[in-house]
Amino acid sequence: MTDGTHSPQTAPGDEADREGLTGGLGSYAIGFVLAVALTVISFALPNLNLVWTPSIPVALAVLAIAQMGVHLVFFLHLTTGPDNANNVLALAFGLFVVCLIIGGSLFIMHALNHNMMNPGMAM
């Protein structure tokens, strides 16, 4: 007994004829164009005077996050649909763990730097 949306041989999310922005060969073409554009902008940004010089690292970080988003949506087809709930939760948990590791490493390096400072030559 099927509801007409899935064939009996495929699981939800495995359809070969996906419609919309994140399905088919057009999805890969759009993703490729966006990925190339973001890469070119990332390499050109430091050499052009488009943004204030001290803000270049922030702009590159924003472009890197956009690049990750393009890859997740257009190449890995990770969406927020009901078929991908576990994928989104796994991605969120992975990002949490990465942020925890980076934050903990920065905290430890700061604490070690503070504790290793020369307190003065008082003897």
PDB file of N, CA and C in Angstrom:
ATOM      1  N   MET A   1       0.847  -1.173   0.000  1.00  0.00           N
ATOM      2  CA  MET A   1       0.000   0.000   0.000  1.00  0.00           C
ATOM      3  C   MET A   1       0.894   1.238   0.000  1.00  0.00           C
ATOM      4  N   THR A   2       0.830   2.027  -1.045  1.00  0.00           N
ATOM      5  CA  THR A   2       1.631   3.239  -1.136  1.00  0.00           C
ATOM      6  C   THR A   2       0.705   4.433  -1.296  1.00  0.00           C
ATOM      7  N   ASP A   3       1.259   5.606  -0.976  1.00  0.00           N
ATOM      8  CA  ASP A   3       0.456   6.823  -1.108  1.00  0.00           C
ATOM      9  C   ASP A   3       0.641   7.495  -2.457  1.00  0.00           C
ATOM     10  N   GLY A   4       1.365   6.872  -3.367  1.00  0.00           N
ATOM     11  CA  GLY A   4       1.536   7.401  -4.705  1.00  0.00           C
ATOM     12  C   GLY A   4       2.755   8.298  -4.854  1.00  0.00           C
ATOM     13  N   THR A   5       3.446   8.616  -3.761  1.00  0.00           N
ATOM     14  CA  THR A   5       4.606   9.490  -3.857  1.00  0.00           C
ATOM     15  C   THR A   5       5.908   8.708  -3.916  1.00  0.00           C
ATOM     16  N   HIS A   6       5.926   7.497  -3.402  1.00  0.00           N
ATOM     17  CA  HIS A   6       7.142   6.691  -3.389  1.00  0.00           C
ATOM     18  C   HIS A   6       6.841   5.343  -4.020  1.00  0.00           C
ATOM     19  N   SER A   7       7.793   4.855  -4.803  1.00  0.00           N
ATOM     20  CA  SER A   7       7.625   3.510  -5.336  1.00  0.00           C
ATOM     21  C   SER A   7       7.981   2.523  -4.227  1.00  0.00           C
ATOM     22  N   PRO A   8       7.496   1.310  -4.284  1.00  0.00           N
ATOM     23  CA  PRO A   8       7.760   0.352  -3.207  1.00  0.00           C
ATOM     24  C   PRO A   8       9.234  -0.010  -3.077  1.00  0.00           C
ATOM     25  N   GLN A   9      10.033   0.213  -4.113  1.00  0.00           N
ATOM     26  CA  GLN A   9      11.433  -0.186  -4.069  1.00  0.00           C
ATOM     27  C   GLN A   9      12.349   0.895  -3.519  1.00  0.00           C
ATOM     28  N   THR A  10      11.875   2.094  -3.281  1.00  0.00           N
ATOM     29  CA  THR A  10      12.746   3.167  -2.809  1.00  0.00           C
ATOM     30  C   THR A  10      12.262   3.690  -1.469  1.00  0.00           C
ATOM     31  N   ALA A  11      13.206   4.158  -0.714  1.00  0.00           N
ATOM     32  CA  ALA A  11      12.897   4.771   0.574  1.00  0.00           C
ATOM     33  C   ALA A  11      12.682   6.264   0.362  1.00  0.00           C
ATOM     34  N   PRO A  12      11.980   6.909   1.268  1.00  0.00           N
ATOM     35  CA  PRO A  12      11.822   8.368   1.139  1.00  0.00           C
ATOM     36  C   PRO A  12      13.192   9.045   1.103  1.00  0.00           C
ATOM     37  N   GLY A  13      13.360   9.976   0.204  1.00  0.00           N
ATOM     38  CA  GLY A  13      14.633  10.672   0.062  1.00  0.00           C
ATOM     39  C   GLY A  13      15.531  10.067  -0.990  1.00  0.00           C
ATOM     40  N   ASP A  14      15.181   8.873  -1.516  1.00  0.00           N
ATOM     41  CA  ASP A  14      16.001   8.203  -2.517  1.00  0.00           C
ATOM     42  C   ASP A  14      15.456   8.354  -3.926  1.00  0.00           C
ATOM     43  N   GLU A  15      14.486   9.213  -4.128  1.00  0.00           N
ATOM     44  CA  GLU A  15      13.884   9.349  -5.444  1.00  0.00           C
ATOM     45  C   GLU A  15      14.903   9.871  -6.448  1.00  0.00           C
ATOM     46  N   ALA A  16      14.902   9.268  -7.621  1.00  0.00           N
ATOM     47  CA  ALA A  16      15.838   9.691  -8.652  1.00  0.00           C
ATOM     48  C   ALA A  16      15.331  10.919  -9.388  1.00  0.00           C
ATOM     49  N   ASP A  17      14.030  11.161  -9.348  1.00  0.00           N
ATOM     50  CA  ASP A  17      13.462  12.275 -10.104  1.00  0.00           C
ATOM     51  C   ASP A  17      13.015  13.389  -9.168  1.00  0.00           C
ATOM     52  N   ARG A  18      13.936  13.901  -8.387  1.00  0.00           N
ATOM     53  CA  ARG A  18      13.607  14.989  -7.477  1.00  0.00           C
ATOM     54  C   ARG A  18      13.292  16.247  -8.258  1.00  0.00           C
ATOM     55  N   GLU A  19      12.373  16.996  -7.747  1.00  0.00           N
ATOM     56  CA  GLU A  19      12.001  18.264  -8.364  1.00  0.00           C
ATOM     57  C   GLU A  19      12.544  19.390  -7.507  1.00  0.00           C
ATOM     58  N   GLY A  20      12.591  20.570  -8.069  1.00  0.00           N
ATOM     59  CA  GLY A  20      12.952  21.741  -7.299  1.00  0.00           C
ATOM     60  C   GLY A  20      14.400  22.133  -7.440  1.00  0.00           C
ATOM     61  N   LEU A  21      14.811  23.050  -6.585  1.00  0.00           N
ATOM     62  CA  LEU A  21      16.129  23.648  -6.672  1.00  0.00           C
ATOM     63  C   LEU A  21      17.243  22.679  -6.301  1.00  0.00           C
ATOM     64  N   THR A  22      16.975  21.734  -5.420  1.00  0.00           N
ATOM     65  CA  THR A  22      18.045  20.856  -4.965  1.00  0.00           C
ATOM     66  C   THR A  22      18.003  19.482  -5.597  1.00  0.00           C
ATOM     67  N   GLY A  23      17.420  19.334  -6.757  1.00  0.00           N
ATOM     68  CA  GLY A  23      17.360  18.031  -7.391  1.00  0.00           C
ATOM     69  C   GLY A  23      17.781  18.080  -8.845  1.00  0.00           C
ATOM     70  N   GLY A  24      18.372  16.988  -9.303  1.00  0.00           N
ATOM     71  CA  GLY A  24      18.716  16.852 -10.702  1.00  0.00           C
ATOM     72  C   GLY A  24      20.039  17.479 -11.078  1.00  0.00           C
ATOM     73  N   LEU A  25      20.320  17.411 -12.371  1.00  0.00           N
ATOM     74  CA  LEU A  25      21.572  17.938 -12.906  1.00  0.00           C
ATOM     75  C   LEU A  25      21.646  19.450 -12.783  1.00  0.00           C
ATOM     76  N   GLY A  26      20.496  20.125 -12.867  1.00  0.00           N
ATOM     77  CA  GLY A  26      20.479  21.581 -12.712  1.00  0.00           C
ATOM     78  C   GLY A  26      20.990  22.015 -11.355  1.00  0.00           C
ATOM     79  N   SER A  27      20.731  21.209 -10.326  1.00  0.00           N
ATOM     80  CA  SER A  27      21.216  21.509  -8.984  1.00  0.00           C
ATOM     81  C   SER A  27      22.744  21.530  -8.953  1.00  0.00           C
ATOM     82  N   TYR A  28      23.352  20.549  -9.598  1.00  0.00           N
ATOM     83  CA  TYR A  28      24.813  20.499  -9.624  1.00  0.00           C
ATOM     84  C   TYR A  28      25.392  21.672 -10.420  1.00  0.00           C
ATOM     85  N   ALA A  29      24.735  22.055 -11.492  1.00  0.00           N
ATOM     86  CA  ALA A  29      25.213  23.182 -12.300  1.00  0.00           C
ATOM     87  C   ALA A  29      25.127  24.482 -11.511  1.00  0.00           C
ATOM     88  N   ILE A  30      24.001  24.708 -10.833  1.00  0.00           N
ATOM     89  CA  ILE A  30      23.855  25.917 -10.013  1.00  0.00           C
ATOM     90  C   ILE A  30      24.884  25.915  -8.888  1.00  0.00           C
ATOM     91  N   GLY A  31      25.041  24.769  -8.233  1.00  0.00           N
ATOM     92  CA  GLY A  31      26.030  24.663  -7.150  1.00  0.00           C
ATOM     93  C   GLY A  31      27.439  24.908  -7.636  1.00  0.00           C
ATOM     94  N   PHE A  32      27.769  24.377  -8.815  1.00  0.00           N
ATOM     95  CA  PHE A  32      29.102  24.582  -9.369  1.00  0.00           C
ATOM     96  C   PHE A  32      29.360  26.056  -9.651  1.00  0.00           C
ATOM     97  N   VAL A  33      28.389  26.725 -10.260  1.00  0.00           N
ATOM     98  CA  VAL A  33      28.550  28.154 -10.576  1.00  0.00           C
ATOM     99  C   VAL A  33      28.702  28.964  -9.284  1.00  0.00           C
ATOM    100  N   LEU A  34      27.874  28.678  -8.289  1.00  0.00           N
ATOM    101  CA  LEU A  34      27.980  29.400  -7.019  1.00  0.00           C
ATOM    102  C   LEU A  34      29.310  29.119  -6.320  1.00  0.00           C
ATOM    103  N   ALA A  35      29.748  27.868  -6.332  1.00  0.00           N
ATOM    104  CA  ALA A  35      31.016  27.518  -5.691  1.00  0.00           C
ATOM    105  C   ALA A  35      32.189  28.214  -6.372  1.00  0.00           C
ATOM    106  N   VAL A  36      32.187  28.228  -7.695  1.00  0.00           N
ATOM    107  CA  VAL A  36      33.269  28.910  -8.424  1.00  0.00           C
ATOM    108  C   VAL A  36      33.229  30.407  -8.146  1.00  0.00           C
ATOM    109  N   ALA A  37      32.041  30.997  -8.157  1.00  0.00           N
ATOM    110  CA  ALA A  37      31.924  32.433  -7.896  1.00  0.00           C
ATOM    111  C   ALA A  37      32.424  32.781  -6.495  1.00  0.00           C
ATOM    112  N   LEU A  38      32.047  31.990  -5.487  1.00  0.00           N
ATOM    113  CA  LEU A  38      32.505  32.262  -4.123  1.00  0.00           C
ATOM    114  C   LEU A  38      34.016  32.075  -3.988  1.00  0.00           C
ATOM    115  N   THR A  39      34.577  31.104  -4.699  1.00  0.00           N
ATOM    116  CA  THR A  39      36.017  30.888  -4.658  1.00  0.00           C
ATOM    117  C   THR A  39      36.755  32.053  -5.306  1.00  0.00           C
ATOM    118  N   VAL A  40      36.296  32.506  -6.468  1.00  0.00           N
ATOM    119  CA  VAL A  40      36.933  33.638  -7.153  1.00  0.00           C
ATOM    120  C   VAL A  40      36.850  34.890  -6.292  1.00  0.00           C
ATOM    121  N   ILE A  41      35.693  35.133  -5.680  1.00  0.00           N
ATOM    122  CA  ILE A  41      35.544  36.310  -4.813  1.00  0.00           C
ATOM    123  C   ILE A  41      36.485  36.211  -3.619  1.00  0.00           C
ATOM    124  N   SER A  42      36.625  35.012  -3.050  1.00  0.00           N
ATOM    125  CA  SER A  42      37.518  34.830  -1.895  1.00  0.00           C
ATOM    126  C   SER A  42      38.972  35.118  -2.246  1.00  0.00           C
ATOM    127  N   PHE A  43      39.400  34.727  -3.446  1.00  0.00           N
ATOM    128  CA  PHE A  43      40.777  34.989  -3.841  1.00  0.00           C
ATOM    129  C   PHE A  43      40.978  36.441  -4.265  1.00  0.00           C
ATOM    130  N   ALA A  44      39.970  37.074  -4.822  1.00  0.00           N
ATOM    131  CA  ALA A  44      40.102  38.443  -5.303  1.00  0.00           C
ATOM    132  C   ALA A  44      39.936  39.471  -4.188  1.00  0.00           C
ATOM    133  N   LEU A  45      39.191  39.138  -3.144  1.00  0.00           N
ATOM    134  CA  LEU A  45      38.856  40.099  -2.094  1.00  0.00           C
ATOM    135  C   LEU A  45      40.066  40.760  -1.435  1.00  0.00           C
ATOM    136  N   PRO A  46      41.105  40.027  -1.057  1.00  0.00           N
ATOM    137  CA  PRO A  46      42.253  40.703  -0.416  1.00  0.00           C
ATOM    138  C   PRO A  46      43.005  41.643  -1.351  1.00  0.00           C
ATOM    139  N   ASN A  47      42.930  41.419  -2.641  1.00  0.00           N
ATOM    140  CA  ASN A  47      43.677  42.240  -3.589  1.00  0.00           C
ATOM    141  C   ASN A  47      42.904  43.460  -4.077  1.00  0.00           C
ATOM    142  N   LEU A  48      41.613  43.484  -3.855  1.00  0.00           N
ATOM    143  CA  LEU A  48      40.782  44.607  -4.277  1.00  0.00           C
ATOM    144  C   LEU A  48      40.446  45.479  -3.077  1.00  0.00           C
ATOM    145  N   ASN A  49      40.098  46.702  -3.325  1.00  0.00           N
ATOM    146  CA  ASN A  49      39.737  47.619  -2.251  1.00  0.00           C
ATOM    147  C   ASN A  49      38.221  47.705  -2.109  1.00  0.00           C
ATOM    148  N   LEU A  50      37.552  46.551  -2.062  1.00  0.00           N
ATOM    149  CA  LEU A  50      36.102  46.529  -1.965  1.00  0.00           C
ATOM    150  C   LEU A  50      35.614  46.652  -0.528  1.00  0.00           C
ATOM    151  N   VAL A  51      36.396  46.147   0.414  1.00  0.00           N
ATOM    152  CA  VAL A  51      36.013  46.215   1.826  1.00  0.00           C
ATOM    153  C   VAL A  51      37.149  46.856   2.614  1.00  0.00           C
ATOM    154  N   TRP A  52      36.809  47.315   3.799  1.00  0.00           N
ATOM    155  CA  TRP A  52      37.786  47.909   4.705  1.00  0.00           C
ATOM    156  C   TRP A  52      38.819  46.849   5.068  1.00  0.00           C
ATOM    157  N   THR A  53      40.082  47.167   4.985  1.00  0.00           N
ATOM    158  CA  THR A  53      41.168  46.197   5.123  1.00  0.00           C
ATOM    159  C   THR A  53      41.088  45.354   6.402  1.00  0.00           C
ATOM    160  N   PRO A  54      40.833  45.942   7.586  1.00  0.00           N
ATOM    161  CA  PRO A  54      40.752  45.082   8.774  1.00  0.00           C
ATOM    162  C   PRO A  54      39.564  44.112   8.770  1.00  0.00           C
ATOM    163  N   SER A  55      38.577  44.329   7.914  1.00  0.00           N
ATOM    164  CA  SER A  55      37.416  43.437   7.892  1.00  0.00           C
ATOM    165  C   SER A  55      37.556  42.296   6.888  1.00  0.00           C
ATOM    166  N   ILE A  56      38.682  42.183   6.229  1.00  0.00           N
ATOM    167  CA  ILE A  56      38.878  41.122   5.238  1.00  0.00           C
ATOM    168  C   ILE A  56      38.766  39.728   5.868  1.00  0.00           C
ATOM    169  N   PRO A  57      39.362  39.454   7.052  1.00  0.00           N
ATOM    170  CA  PRO A  57      39.180  38.114   7.637  1.00  0.00           C
ATOM    171  C   PRO A  57      37.714  37.774   7.919  1.00  0.00           C
ATOM    172  N   VAL A  58      36.942  38.756   8.352  1.00  0.00           N
ATOM    173  CA  VAL A  58      35.520  38.513   8.600  1.00  0.00           C
ATOM    174  C   VAL A  58      34.798  38.219   7.287  1.00  0.00           C
ATOM    175  N   ALA A  59      35.107  38.971   6.252  1.00  0.00           N
ATOM    176  CA  ALA A  59      34.481  38.737   4.942  1.00  0.00           C
ATOM    177  C   ALA A  59      34.854  37.365   4.403  1.00  0.00           C
ATOM    178  N   LEU A  60      36.106  36.946   4.585  1.00  0.00           N
ATOM    179  CA  LEU A  60      36.516  35.615   4.134  1.00  0.00           C
ATOM    180  C   LEU A  60      35.819  34.517   4.930  1.00  0.00           C
ATOM    181  N   ALA A  61      35.604  34.741   6.221  1.00  0.00           N
ATOM    182  CA  ALA A  61      34.877  33.762   7.034  1.00  0.00           C
ATOM    183  C   ALA A  61      33.428  33.645   6.566  1.00  0.00           C
ATOM    184  N   VAL A  62      32.806  34.777   6.240  1.00  0.00           N
ATOM    185  CA  VAL A  62      31.426  34.749   5.741  1.00  0.00           C
ATOM    186  C   VAL A  62      31.366  34.016   4.406  1.00  0.00           C
ATOM    187  N   LEU A  63      32.319  34.273   3.528  1.00  0.00           N
ATOM    188  CA  LEU A  63      32.352  33.576   2.237  1.00  0.00           C
ATOM    189  C   LEU A  63      32.605  32.079   2.426  1.00  0.00           C
ATOM    190  N   ALA A  64      33.416  31.699   3.406  1.00  0.00           N
ATOM    191  CA  ALA A  64      33.668  30.277   3.674  1.00  0.00           C
ATOM    192  C   ALA A  64      32.403  29.591   4.171  1.00  0.00           C
ATOM    193  N   ILE A  65      31.653  30.259   5.042  1.00  0.00           N
ATOM    194  CA  ILE A  65      30.395  29.688   5.531  1.00  0.00           C
ATOM    195  C   ILE A  65      29.395  29.562   4.388  1.00  0.00           C
ATOM    196  N   ALA A  66      29.357  30.565   3.511  1.00  0.00           N
ATOM    197  CA  ALA A  66      28.473  30.485   2.343  1.00  0.00           C
ATOM    198  C   ALA A  66      28.888  29.329   1.433  1.00  0.00           C
ATOM    199  N   GLN A  67      30.177  29.133   1.276  1.00  0.00           N
ATOM    200  CA  GLN A  67      30.682  28.022   0.461  1.00  0.00           C
ATOM    201  C   GLN A  67      30.253  26.678   1.058  1.00  0.00           C
ATOM    202  N   MET A  68      30.335  26.552   2.387  1.00  0.00           N
ATOM    203  CA  MET A  68      29.883  25.312   3.028  1.00  0.00           C
ATOM    204  C   MET A  68      28.391  25.102   2.804  1.00  0.00           C
ATOM    205  N   GLY A  69      27.618  26.174   2.892  1.00  0.00           N
ATOM    206  CA  GLY A  69      26.184  26.072   2.657  1.00  0.00           C
ATOM    207  C   GLY A  69      25.871  25.623   1.246  1.00  0.00           C
ATOM    208  N   VAL A  70      26.585  26.166   0.275  1.00  0.00           N
ATOM    209  CA  VAL A  70      26.379  25.766  -1.124  1.00  0.00           C
ATOM    210  C   VAL A  70      26.668  24.278  -1.289  1.00  0.00           C
ATOM    211  N   HIS A  71      27.749  23.806  -0.707  1.00  0.00           N
ATOM    212  CA  HIS A  71      28.100  22.387  -0.839  1.00  0.00           C
ATOM    213  C   HIS A  71      27.071  21.496  -0.155  1.00  0.00           C
ATOM    214  N   LEU A  72      26.611  21.895   1.025  1.00  0.00           N
ATOM    215  CA  LEU A  72      25.632  21.077   1.736  1.00  0.00           C
ATOM    216  C   LEU A  72      24.304  20.998   0.994  1.00  0.00           C
ATOM    217  N   VAL A  73      23.860  22.099   0.426  1.00  0.00           N
ATOM    218  CA  VAL A  73      22.538  22.123  -0.213  1.00  0.00           C
ATOM    219  C   VAL A  73      22.579  21.576  -1.628  1.00  0.00           C
ATOM    220  N   PHE A  74      23.532  22.023  -2.436  1.00  0.00           N
ATOM    221  CA  PHE A  74      23.504  21.681  -3.856  1.00  0.00           C
ATOM    222  C   PHE A  74      24.220  20.378  -4.199  1.00  0.00           C
ATOM    223  N   PHE A  75      25.215  19.976  -3.402  1.00  0.00           N
ATOM    224  CA  PHE A  75      25.941  18.757  -3.723  1.00  0.00           C
ATOM    225  C   PHE A  75      25.557  17.596  -2.812  1.00  0.00           C
ATOM    226  N   LEU A  76      25.386  17.852  -1.522  1.00  0.00           N
ATOM    227  CA  LEU A  76      24.991  16.789  -0.599  1.00  0.00           C
ATOM    228  C   LEU A  76      23.485  16.701  -0.424  1.00  0.00           C
ATOM    229  N   HIS A  77      22.753  17.661  -0.983  1.00  0.00           N
ATOM    230  CA  HIS A  77      21.287  17.712  -0.929  1.00  0.00           C
ATOM    231  C   HIS A  77      20.764  17.638   0.504  1.00  0.00           C
ATOM    232  N   LEU A  78      21.435  18.321   1.397  1.00  0.00           N
ATOM    233  CA  LEU A  78      21.014  18.376   2.793  1.00  0.00           C
ATOM    234  C   LEU A  78      20.019  19.519   2.942  1.00  0.00           C
ATOM    235  N   THR A  79      18.774  19.174   3.159  1.00  0.00           N
ATOM    236  CA  THR A  79      17.730  20.173   3.321  1.00  0.00           C
ATOM    237  C   THR A  79      17.050  19.965   4.665  1.00  0.00           C
ATOM    238  N   THR A  80      16.092  20.803   4.974  1.00  0.00           N
ATOM    239  CA  THR A  80      15.385  20.689   6.242  1.00  0.00           C
ATOM    240  C   THR A  80      14.073  19.932   6.079  1.00  0.00           C
ATOM    241  N   GLY A  81      13.914  19.194   5.009  1.00  0.00           N
ATOM    242  CA  GLY A  81      12.698  18.422   4.775  1.00  0.00           C
ATOM    243  C   GLY A  81      12.558  17.286   5.779  1.00  0.00           C
ATOM    244  N   PRO A  82      11.363  16.696   5.853  1.00  0.00           N
ATOM    245  CA  PRO A  82      11.147  15.625   6.831  1.00  0.00           C
ATOM    246  C   PRO A  82      12.007  14.388   6.570  1.00  0.00           C
ATOM    247  N   ASP A  83      12.435  14.181   5.336  1.00  0.00           N
ATOM    248  CA  ASP A  83      13.281  13.028   5.032  1.00  0.00           C
ATOM    249  C   ASP A  83      14.710  13.213   5.535  1.00  0.00           C
ATOM    250  N   ASN A  84      15.110  14.437   5.810  1.00  0.00           N
ATOM    251  CA  ASN A  84      16.491  14.723   6.190  1.00  0.00           C
ATOM    252  C   ASN A  84      16.633  15.178   7.634  1.00  0.00           C
ATOM    253  N   ALA A  85      15.673  14.887   8.480  1.00  0.00           N
ATOM    254  CA  ALA A  85      15.729  15.362   9.869  1.00  0.00           C
ATOM    255  C   ALA A  85      16.959  14.820  10.591  1.00  0.00           C
ATOM    256  N   ASN A  86      17.274  13.548  10.405  1.00  0.00           N
ATOM    257  CA  ASN A  86      18.446  12.975  11.072  1.00  0.00           C
ATOM    258  C   ASN A  86      19.738  13.586  10.550  1.00  0.00           C
ATOM    259  N   ASN A  87      19.800  13.896   9.261  1.00  0.00           N
ATOM    260  CA  ASN A  87      20.999  14.519   8.702  1.00  0.00           C
ATOM    261  C   ASN A  87      21.220  15.902   9.295  1.00  0.00           C
ATOM    262  N   VAL A  88      20.160  16.671   9.446  1.00  0.00           N
ATOM    263  CA  VAL A  88      20.277  18.014   9.996  1.00  0.00           C
ATOM    264  C   VAL A  88      20.697  17.943  11.459  1.00  0.00           C
ATOM    265  N   LEU A  89      20.135  17.008  12.224  1.00  0.00           N
ATOM    266  CA  LEU A  89      20.534  16.853  13.625  1.00  0.00           C
ATOM    267  C   LEU A  89      21.994  16.419  13.738  1.00  0.00           C
ATOM    268  N   ALA A  90      22.424  15.517  12.877  1.00  0.00           N
ATOM    269  CA  ALA A  90      23.820  15.085  12.892  1.00  0.00           C
ATOM    270  C   ALA A  90      24.748  16.238  12.531  1.00  0.00           C
ATOM    271  N   LEU A  91      24.352  17.053  11.564  1.00  0.00           N
ATOM    272  CA  LEU A  91      25.154  18.218  11.192  1.00  0.00           C
ATOM    273  C   LEU A  91      25.230  19.216  12.342  1.00  0.00           C
ATOM    274  N   ALA A  92      24.104  19.473  12.992  1.00  0.00           N
ATOM    275  CA  ALA A  92      24.088  20.411  14.120  1.00  0.00           C
ATOM    276  C   ALA A  92      24.962  19.901  15.258  1.00  0.00           C
ATOM    277  N   PHE A  93      24.893  18.619  15.553  1.00  0.00           N
ATOM    278  CA  PHE A  93      25.731  18.054  16.610  1.00  0.00           C
ATOM    279  C   PHE A  93      27.203  18.131  16.226  1.00  0.00           C
ATOM    280  N   GLY A  94      27.524  17.842  14.969  1.00  0.00           N
ATOM    281  CA  GLY A  94      28.908  17.948  14.508  1.00  0.00           C
ATOM    282  C   GLY A  94      29.435  19.366  14.622  1.00  0.00           C
ATOM    283  N   LEU A  95      28.613  20.360  14.248  1.00  0.00           N
ATOM    284  CA  LEU A  95      29.032  21.755  14.393  1.00  0.00           C
ATOM    285  C   LEU A  95      29.228  22.130  15.855  1.00  0.00           C
ATOM    286  N   PHE A  96      28.353  21.608  16.726  1.00  0.00           N
ATOM    287  CA  PHE A  96      28.499  21.863  18.157  1.00  0.00           C
ATOM    288  C   PHE A  96      29.817  21.304  18.676  1.00  0.00           C
ATOM    289  N   VAL A  97      30.151  20.089  18.280  1.00  0.00           N
ATOM    290  CA  VAL A  97      31.396  19.469  18.736  1.00  0.00           C
ATOM    291  C   VAL A  97      32.606  20.240  18.213  1.00  0.00           C
ATOM    292  N   VAL A  98      32.572  20.658  16.950  1.00  0.00           N
ATOM    293  CA  VAL A  98      33.686  21.426  16.383  1.00  0.00           C
ATOM    294  C   VAL A  98      33.852  22.755  17.121  1.00  0.00           C
ATOM    295  N   CYS A  99      32.744  23.449  17.373  1.00  0.00           N
ATOM    296  CA  CYS A  99      32.814  24.717  18.113  1.00  0.00           C
ATOM    297  C   CYS A  99      33.325  24.497  19.530  1.00  0.00           C
ATOM    298  N   LEU A 100      32.916  23.409  20.156  1.00  0.00           N
ATOM    299  CA  LEU A 100      33.386  23.090  21.504  1.00  0.00           C
ATOM    300  C   LEU A 100      34.892  22.826  21.512  1.00  0.00           C
ATOM    301  N   ILE A 101      35.381  22.092  20.534  1.00  0.00           N
ATOM    302  CA  ILE A 101      36.812  21.799  20.454  1.00  0.00           C
ATOM    303  C   ILE A 101      37.608  23.071  20.181  1.00  0.00           C
ATOM    304  N   ILE A 102      37.152  23.890  19.247  1.00  0.00           N
ATOM    305  CA  ILE A 102      37.864  25.128  18.923  1.00  0.00           C
ATOM    306  C   ILE A 102      37.839  26.075  20.119  1.00  0.00           C
ATOM    307  N   GLY A 103      36.673  26.241  20.730  1.00  0.00           N
ATOM    308  CA  GLY A 103      36.565  27.122  21.897  1.00  0.00           C
ATOM    309  C   GLY A 103      37.420  26.644  23.057  1.00  0.00           C
ATOM    310  N   GLY A 104      37.401  25.340  23.322  1.00  0.00           N
ATOM    311  CA  GLY A 104      38.229  24.793  24.400  1.00  0.00           C
ATOM    312  C   GLY A 104      39.714  24.957  24.113  1.00  0.00           C
ATOM    313  N   SER A 105      40.102  24.750  22.869  1.00  0.00           N
ATOM    314  CA  SER A 105      41.517  24.926  22.506  1.00  0.00           C
ATOM    315  C   SER A 105      41.959  26.373  22.681  1.00  0.00           C
ATOM    316  N   LEU A 106      41.117  27.313  22.256  1.00  0.00           N
ATOM    317  CA  LEU A 106      41.461  28.728  22.438  1.00  0.00           C
ATOM    318  C   LEU A 106      41.537  29.089  23.905  1.00  0.00           C
ATOM    319  N   PHE A 107      40.612  28.564  24.719  1.00  0.00           N
ATOM    320  CA  PHE A 107      40.640  28.831  26.155  1.00  0.00           C
ATOM    321  C   PHE A 107      41.913  28.284  26.791  1.00  0.00           C
ATOM    322  N   ILE A 108      42.287  27.054  26.438  1.00  0.00           N
ATOM    323  CA  ILE A 108      43.495  26.445  26.998  1.00  0.00           C
ATOM    324  C   ILE A 108      44.735  27.211  26.562  1.00  0.00           C
ATOM    325  N   MET A 109      44.804  27.606  25.281  1.00  0.00           N
ATOM    326  CA  MET A 109      45.972  28.360  24.815  1.00  0.00           C
ATOM    327  C   MET A 109      46.070  29.710  25.524  1.00  0.00           C
ATOM    328  N   HIS A 110      44.931  30.373  25.737  1.00  0.00           N
ATOM    329  CA  HIS A 110      44.941  31.652  26.451  1.00  0.00           C
ATOM    330  C   HIS A 110      45.389  31.450  27.891  1.00  0.00           C
ATOM    331  N   ALA A 111      44.880  30.420  28.559  1.00  0.00           N
ATOM    332  CA  ALA A 111      45.254  30.167  29.952  1.00  0.00           C
ATOM    333  C   ALA A 111      46.735  29.818  30.054  1.00  0.00           C
ATOM    334  N   LEU A 112      47.241  28.995  29.130  1.00  0.00           N
ATOM    335  CA  LEU A 112      48.664  28.664  29.152  1.00  0.00           C
ATOM    336  C   LEU A 112      49.515  29.886  28.887  1.00  0.00           C
ATOM    337  N   ASN A 113      49.104  30.726  27.954  1.00  0.00           N
ATOM    338  CA  ASN A 113      49.852  31.943  27.666  1.00  0.00           C
ATOM    339  C   ASN A 113      49.882  32.855  28.891  1.00  0.00           C
ATOM    340  N   HIS A 114      48.749  32.968  29.570  1.00  0.00           N
ATOM    341  CA  HIS A 114      48.673  33.816  30.763  1.00  0.00           C
ATOM    342  C   HIS A 114      49.536  33.247  31.890  1.00  0.00           C
ATOM    343  N   ASN A 115      49.521  31.931  32.061  1.00  0.00           N
ATOM    344  CA  ASN A 115      50.303  31.299  33.140  1.00  0.00           C
ATOM    345  C   ASN A 115      51.786  31.240  32.836  1.00  0.00           C
ATOM    346  N   MET A 116      52.181  31.317  31.581  1.00  0.00           N
ATOM    347  CA  MET A 116      53.594  31.226  31.214  1.00  0.00           C
ATOM    348  C   MET A 116      54.268  32.593  31.167  1.00  0.00           C
ATOM    349  N   MET A 117      53.505  33.665  31.338  1.00  0.00           N
ATOM    350  CA  MET A 117      54.101  34.997  31.293  1.00  0.00           C
ATOM    351  C   MET A 117      55.097  35.172  32.441  1.00  0.00           C
ATOM    352  N   ASN A 118      56.112  35.924  32.162  1.00  0.00           N
ATOM    353  CA  ASN A 118      57.108  36.218  33.175  1.00  0.00           C
ATOM    354  C   ASN A 118      56.491  37.165  34.203  1.00  0.00           C
ATOM    355  N   PRO A 119      56.331  36.747  35.448  1.00  0.00           N
ATOM    356  CA  PRO A 119      55.690  37.592  36.443  1.00  0.00           C
ATOM    357  C   PRO A 119      56.544  38.775  36.887  1.00  0.00           C
ATOM    358  N   GLY A 120      57.691  38.892  36.401  1.00  0.00           N
ATOM    359  CA  GLY A 120      58.609  39.952  36.842  1.00  0.00           C
ATOM    360  C   GLY A 120      59.821  39.294  37.474  1.00  0.00           C
ATOM    361  N   MET A 121      60.852  39.974  37.541  1.00  0.00           N
ATOM    362  CA  MET A 121      62.092  39.408  38.049  1.00  0.00           C
ATOM    363  C   MET A 121      62.198  39.598  39.552  1.00  0.00           C
ATOM    364  N   ALA A 122      61.114  39.393  40.264  1.00  0.00           N
ATOM    365  CA  ALA A 122      61.120  39.567  41.716  1.00  0.00           C
ATOM    366  C   ALA A 122      61.594  38.275  42.367  1.00  0.00           C
ATOM    367  N   MET A 123      62.790  38.294  42.914  1.00  0.00           N
ATOM    368  CA  MET A 123      63.327  37.139  43.636  1.00  0.00           C
ATOM    369  C   MET A 123      63.900  37.585  44.922  1.00  0.00           C
TER     370      MET A 123
END
